[in-house]
Protein backbone atom coordinates (compact mmCIF):
# COMPACT_ATOMS: atom_id res chain seq x y z
CA MET A 1 -0.08 0.04 0.04
CA PHE A 2 2.87 2.40 0.88
CA ALA A 3 6.28 2.13 -0.72
CA ASP A 4 7.91 3.37 2.46
CA ARG A 5 7.55 5.88 5.15
CA LYS A 6 8.40 8.85 2.92
CA ASP A 7 5.74 7.79 0.50
CA ALA A 8 3.25 7.49 3.53
CA ALA A 9 4.35 11.01 4.76
CA GLU A 10 3.89 12.62 1.37
CA ARG A 11 0.39 11.19 1.10
CA LEU A 12 -0.45 12.51 4.64
CA VAL A 13 0.77 15.90 3.51
CA SER A 14 -2.04 15.98 0.95
CA ALA A 15 -4.55 15.14 3.61
CA LEU A 16 -3.27 17.78 5.96
CA SER A 17 -2.65 20.51 3.39
CA HIS A 18 -5.27 22.84 4.89
CA TYR A 19 -2.96 23.29 7.92
CA LYS A 20 -0.14 24.92 5.77
CA GLY A 21 0.27 28.46 6.70
CA GLN A 22 -0.87 27.82 10.26
CA ASN A 23 2.70 27.11 11.62
CA PRO A 24 1.61 23.68 12.73
CA LEU A 25 3.71 21.70 15.20
CA ILE A 26 4.40 18.08 13.85
CA LEU A 27 5.22 15.56 16.58
CA GLY A 28 6.63 12.21 15.56
CA ILE A 29 6.41 9.21 17.97
CA PRO A 30 9.95 7.76 18.03
CA ARG A 31 11.52 6.23 16.27
CA GLY A 32 9.73 5.16 13.14
CA ALA A 33 7.58 8.30 12.72
CA VAL A 34 10.22 10.88 13.15
CA PRO A 35 11.40 10.76 9.56
CA MET A 36 7.71 11.10 8.49
CA ALA A 37 7.22 14.10 10.85
CA CYS A 38 10.15 15.84 9.38
CA VAL A 39 8.67 15.45 5.77
CA ILE A 40 5.34 16.74 6.91
CA ALA A 41 6.73 19.60 8.86
CA GLU A 42 8.81 20.71 5.88
CA ARG A 43 5.89 20.50 3.37
CA LEU A 44 3.51 22.21 5.67
CA ALA A 45 5.95 25.00 6.68
CA GLY A 46 5.74 23.93 10.33
CA GLU A 47 8.06 22.86 13.18
CA VAL A 48 8.99 19.29 14.11
CA ASP A 49 9.67 17.66 17.50
CA VAL A 50 9.15 14.39 19.24
CA VAL A 51 6.38 13.22 21.66
CA LEU A 52 7.85 10.69 24.04
CA VAL A 53 5.58 7.80 25.07
CA ARG A 54 6.25 4.12 25.35
CA LYS A 55 4.13 1.08 25.17
CA LEU A 56 3.82 -1.40 28.11
CA GLY A 57 4.69 -4.75 26.72
CA ALA A 58 2.84 -7.94 27.78
CA PRO A 59 4.63 -10.52 29.97
CA GLY A 60 6.76 -12.75 27.75
CA ASN A 61 5.68 -10.75 24.68
CA PRO A 62 7.07 -7.28 24.79
CA GLU A 63 5.94 -6.38 21.34
CA TYR A 64 2.30 -6.80 22.31
CA ALA A 65 0.98 -3.54 23.87
CA ILE A 66 -1.16 -3.88 27.01
CA GLY A 67 -1.01 -0.10 27.55
CA SER A 68 1.34 2.90 27.38
CA VAL A 69 2.90 5.59 29.52
CA ASP A 70 3.66 9.25 28.81
CA GLU A 71 6.51 11.47 29.98
CA SER A 72 4.47 12.75 32.89
CA GLY A 73 3.89 9.27 34.23
CA TRP A 74 0.28 8.95 33.26
CA SER A 75 -0.53 5.40 31.92
CA TYR A 76 -3.23 3.84 29.74
CA VAL A 77 -3.86 0.28 30.48
CA SER A 78 -5.90 -1.90 27.98
CA GLN A 79 -8.82 -3.94 29.27
CA ASP A 80 -6.96 -6.88 27.68
CA ALA A 81 -4.01 -6.61 30.15
CA PRO A 82 -5.30 -9.19 32.65
CA ALA A 83 -5.83 -11.79 29.92
CA ALA A 84 -2.23 -11.27 28.76
CA GLY A 85 -0.99 -12.02 32.23
CA ALA A 86 -0.30 -8.51 33.49
CA ASP A 87 -1.19 -7.86 37.11
CA GLU A 88 -0.76 -4.68 39.02
CA GLY A 89 2.75 -5.46 40.22
CA TYR A 90 3.81 -6.34 36.58
CA ILE A 91 2.28 -3.14 35.10
CA ALA A 92 4.07 -0.96 37.88
CA ALA A 93 7.41 -2.46 37.18
CA GLU A 94 6.95 -2.21 33.45
CA LYS A 95 5.90 1.41 33.81
CA ALA A 96 8.93 2.16 35.74
CA ARG A 97 11.16 0.59 33.13
CA GLN A 98 9.55 2.42 30.35
CA LEU A 99 9.82 5.76 32.10
CA GLU A 100 13.59 5.23 32.42
CA THR A 101 13.78 4.73 28.66
CA ILE A 102 11.72 7.96 28.14
CA GLU A 103 13.97 9.95 30.29
CA ALA A 104 17.09 8.52 28.51
CA ARG A 105 15.55 9.29 25.00
CA ARG A 106 14.64 12.93 26.02
CA GLU A 107 18.31 13.45 26.97
CA MET A 108 19.43 11.79 23.74
CA PHE A 109 17.04 13.39 21.26
CA THR A 110 16.75 16.90 22.41
CA ALA A 111 19.73 17.40 24.64
CA HIS A 112 20.60 20.57 22.69
CA ARG A 113 17.24 22.31 23.34
CA ALA A 114 13.93 22.15 25.32
CA SER A 115 10.96 20.57 23.71
CA ILE A 116 8.73 22.95 21.83
CA ASP A 117 5.64 24.22 23.66
CA PRO A 118 2.38 23.10 22.03
CA GLU A 119 0.19 25.56 23.92
CA GLY A 120 -2.16 27.36 21.51
CA ARG A 121 -0.74 25.62 18.40
CA VAL A 122 -2.24 23.29 15.84
CA VAL A 123 -0.52 20.04 16.87
CA ILE A 124 -0.39 17.06 14.56
CA VAL A 125 0.85 13.84 16.03
CA VAL A 126 2.29 11.38 13.58
CA ASP A 127 2.92 7.65 13.66
CA ASP A 128 3.78 5.18 10.85
CA GLY A 129 0.50 3.20 11.68
CA LEU A 130 -1.67 2.15 14.71
CA ALA A 131 -2.17 -1.40 15.87
CA THR A 132 -3.82 -1.24 19.32
CA GLY A 133 -3.49 2.57 19.53
CA ALA A 134 -2.11 2.51 23.06
CA THR A 135 1.00 4.55 22.34
CA MET A 136 -0.93 7.23 20.45
CA ILE A 137 -3.54 7.48 23.16
CA ALA A 138 -0.75 8.26 25.73
CA ALA A 139 0.68 10.68 23.40
CA LEU A 140 -2.50 12.59 22.76
CA HIS A 141 -3.38 12.49 26.50
CA ALA A 142 0.00 14.09 27.41
CA LEU A 143 -0.33 16.73 24.70
CA ARG A 144 -4.07 17.68 25.60
CA ALA A 145 -2.89 18.58 29.11
CA ARG A 146 -0.50 21.20 27.44
CA LYS A 147 -3.41 23.04 25.79
CA PRO A 148 -3.00 22.90 22.09
CA ARG A 149 -5.40 24.96 19.94
CA ARG A 150 -6.28 21.90 17.87
CA LEU A 151 -4.98 18.30 18.26
CA ILE A 152 -4.77 15.93 15.31
CA CYS A 153 -3.75 12.34 15.03
CA ALA A 154 -2.32 11.58 11.66
CA VAL A 155 -1.45 8.03 10.55
CA PRO A 156 -1.24 6.09 7.19
CA VAL A 157 -3.08 3.12 8.34
CA ALA A 158 -5.03 1.65 11.36
CA PRO A 159 -7.79 -0.89 11.89
CA PRO A 160 -11.31 0.63 12.33
CA GLU A 161 -11.71 -0.36 15.85
CA THR A 162 -8.44 1.35 16.80
CA ILE A 163 -9.50 4.50 15.09
CA GLU A 164 -12.55 4.49 17.28
CA ARG A 165 -10.52 3.80 20.44
CA VAL A 166 -8.29 6.83 19.69
CA ARG A 167 -10.96 9.29 18.51
CA PRO A 168 -12.14 10.61 21.90
CA TYR A 169 -8.48 11.79 22.59
CA CYS A 170 -8.04 14.26 19.83
CA ASP A 171 -10.07 16.76 17.78
CA GLU A 172 -9.56 15.10 14.42
CA ILE A 173 -8.10 11.84 13.03
CA VAL A 174 -6.56 11.70 9.56
CA CYS A 175 -6.21 8.00 8.56
CA LEU A 176 -5.50 7.19 4.96
CA ASP A 177 -6.76 3.57 5.17
CA ALA A 178 -8.54 1.40 7.66
CA PRO A 179 -8.40 -2.21 6.58
CA GLN A 180 -10.49 -4.85 8.32
CA ARG A 181 -7.62 -7.41 8.05
CA PHE A 182 -4.88 -5.99 10.03
CA TYR A 183 -2.02 -8.03 11.42
CA ALA A 184 0.91 -5.68 11.83
CA VAL A 185 1.73 -2.09 10.52
CA GLY A 186 4.67 -3.35 8.56
CA GLN A 187 2.40 -5.45 6.21
CA PHE A 188 1.21 -2.22 4.48
CA TYR A 189 4.70 -1.14 3.58
CA GLY A 190 6.91 -2.23 0.78
CA ASP A 191 10.06 -1.16 2.67
CA PHE A 192 9.73 -0.81 6.56
CA PRO A 193 13.18 -0.80 8.00
CA GLN A 194 13.95 -0.03 11.68
CA VAL A 195 14.78 3.68 12.41
CA SER A 196 17.89 3.92 14.68
CA ASP A 197 18.45 6.41 17.58
CA ALA A 198 21.28 7.89 15.60
CA GLU A 199 18.92 8.63 12.73
CA VAL A 200 16.46 10.45 15.04
CA VAL A 201 19.29 12.45 16.78
CA GLU A 202 20.43 13.58 13.30
CA LEU A 203 16.95 14.45 12.05
CA LEU A 204 16.38 16.52 15.28
CA SER A 205 19.68 18.21 15.25
CA PRO A 206 19.66 22.11 14.97
CA LYS A 207 21.01 22.00 11.45
CA ASN A 208 17.92 19.97 10.31
CA SER A 209 15.16 21.10 12.65
CA GLY A 210 16.03 24.64 12.72
């Protein structure tokens, strides 16, 4: 469906073109969405930054999200968490681990500057796709508390039920496709490589992000 993340970003630009000229703040969820956020920010003449959230992985299956946590420590826990074997003790420990990662990433990614204040801004949160939506929910929750003028979730692809789960947390969802048969985000990309920490640091460096 999408050749790669750049292709997906360019298609999102078309769907978000009405925000050009409003100095939107484009926030990528590290790591995969940061290259996309940079493309969108450039095309819409906005600014780019990251929003730091982490999924809470299931016991024995860290890739399966049972929830998420944002930089403030607020967490979203899915109703499916108990069935995945996650009790309160496990969730507390997993949350602590992920908060340590968030702190380290903040120091790594934006050590040269403070994060950009979203208050009063059009804020567009970008990810390369949604599966459960847990990470996006945490990101939107964190940003809502910082009083943006308008809060938009922008993704290339997500299953219909995830779109409805995320919808209450933002003012608008832009999703290019919502297939019923959804197994993983990567299935909708021809080329879907991992994005490294070093790539994110380079993309957010002053010479690139202004």
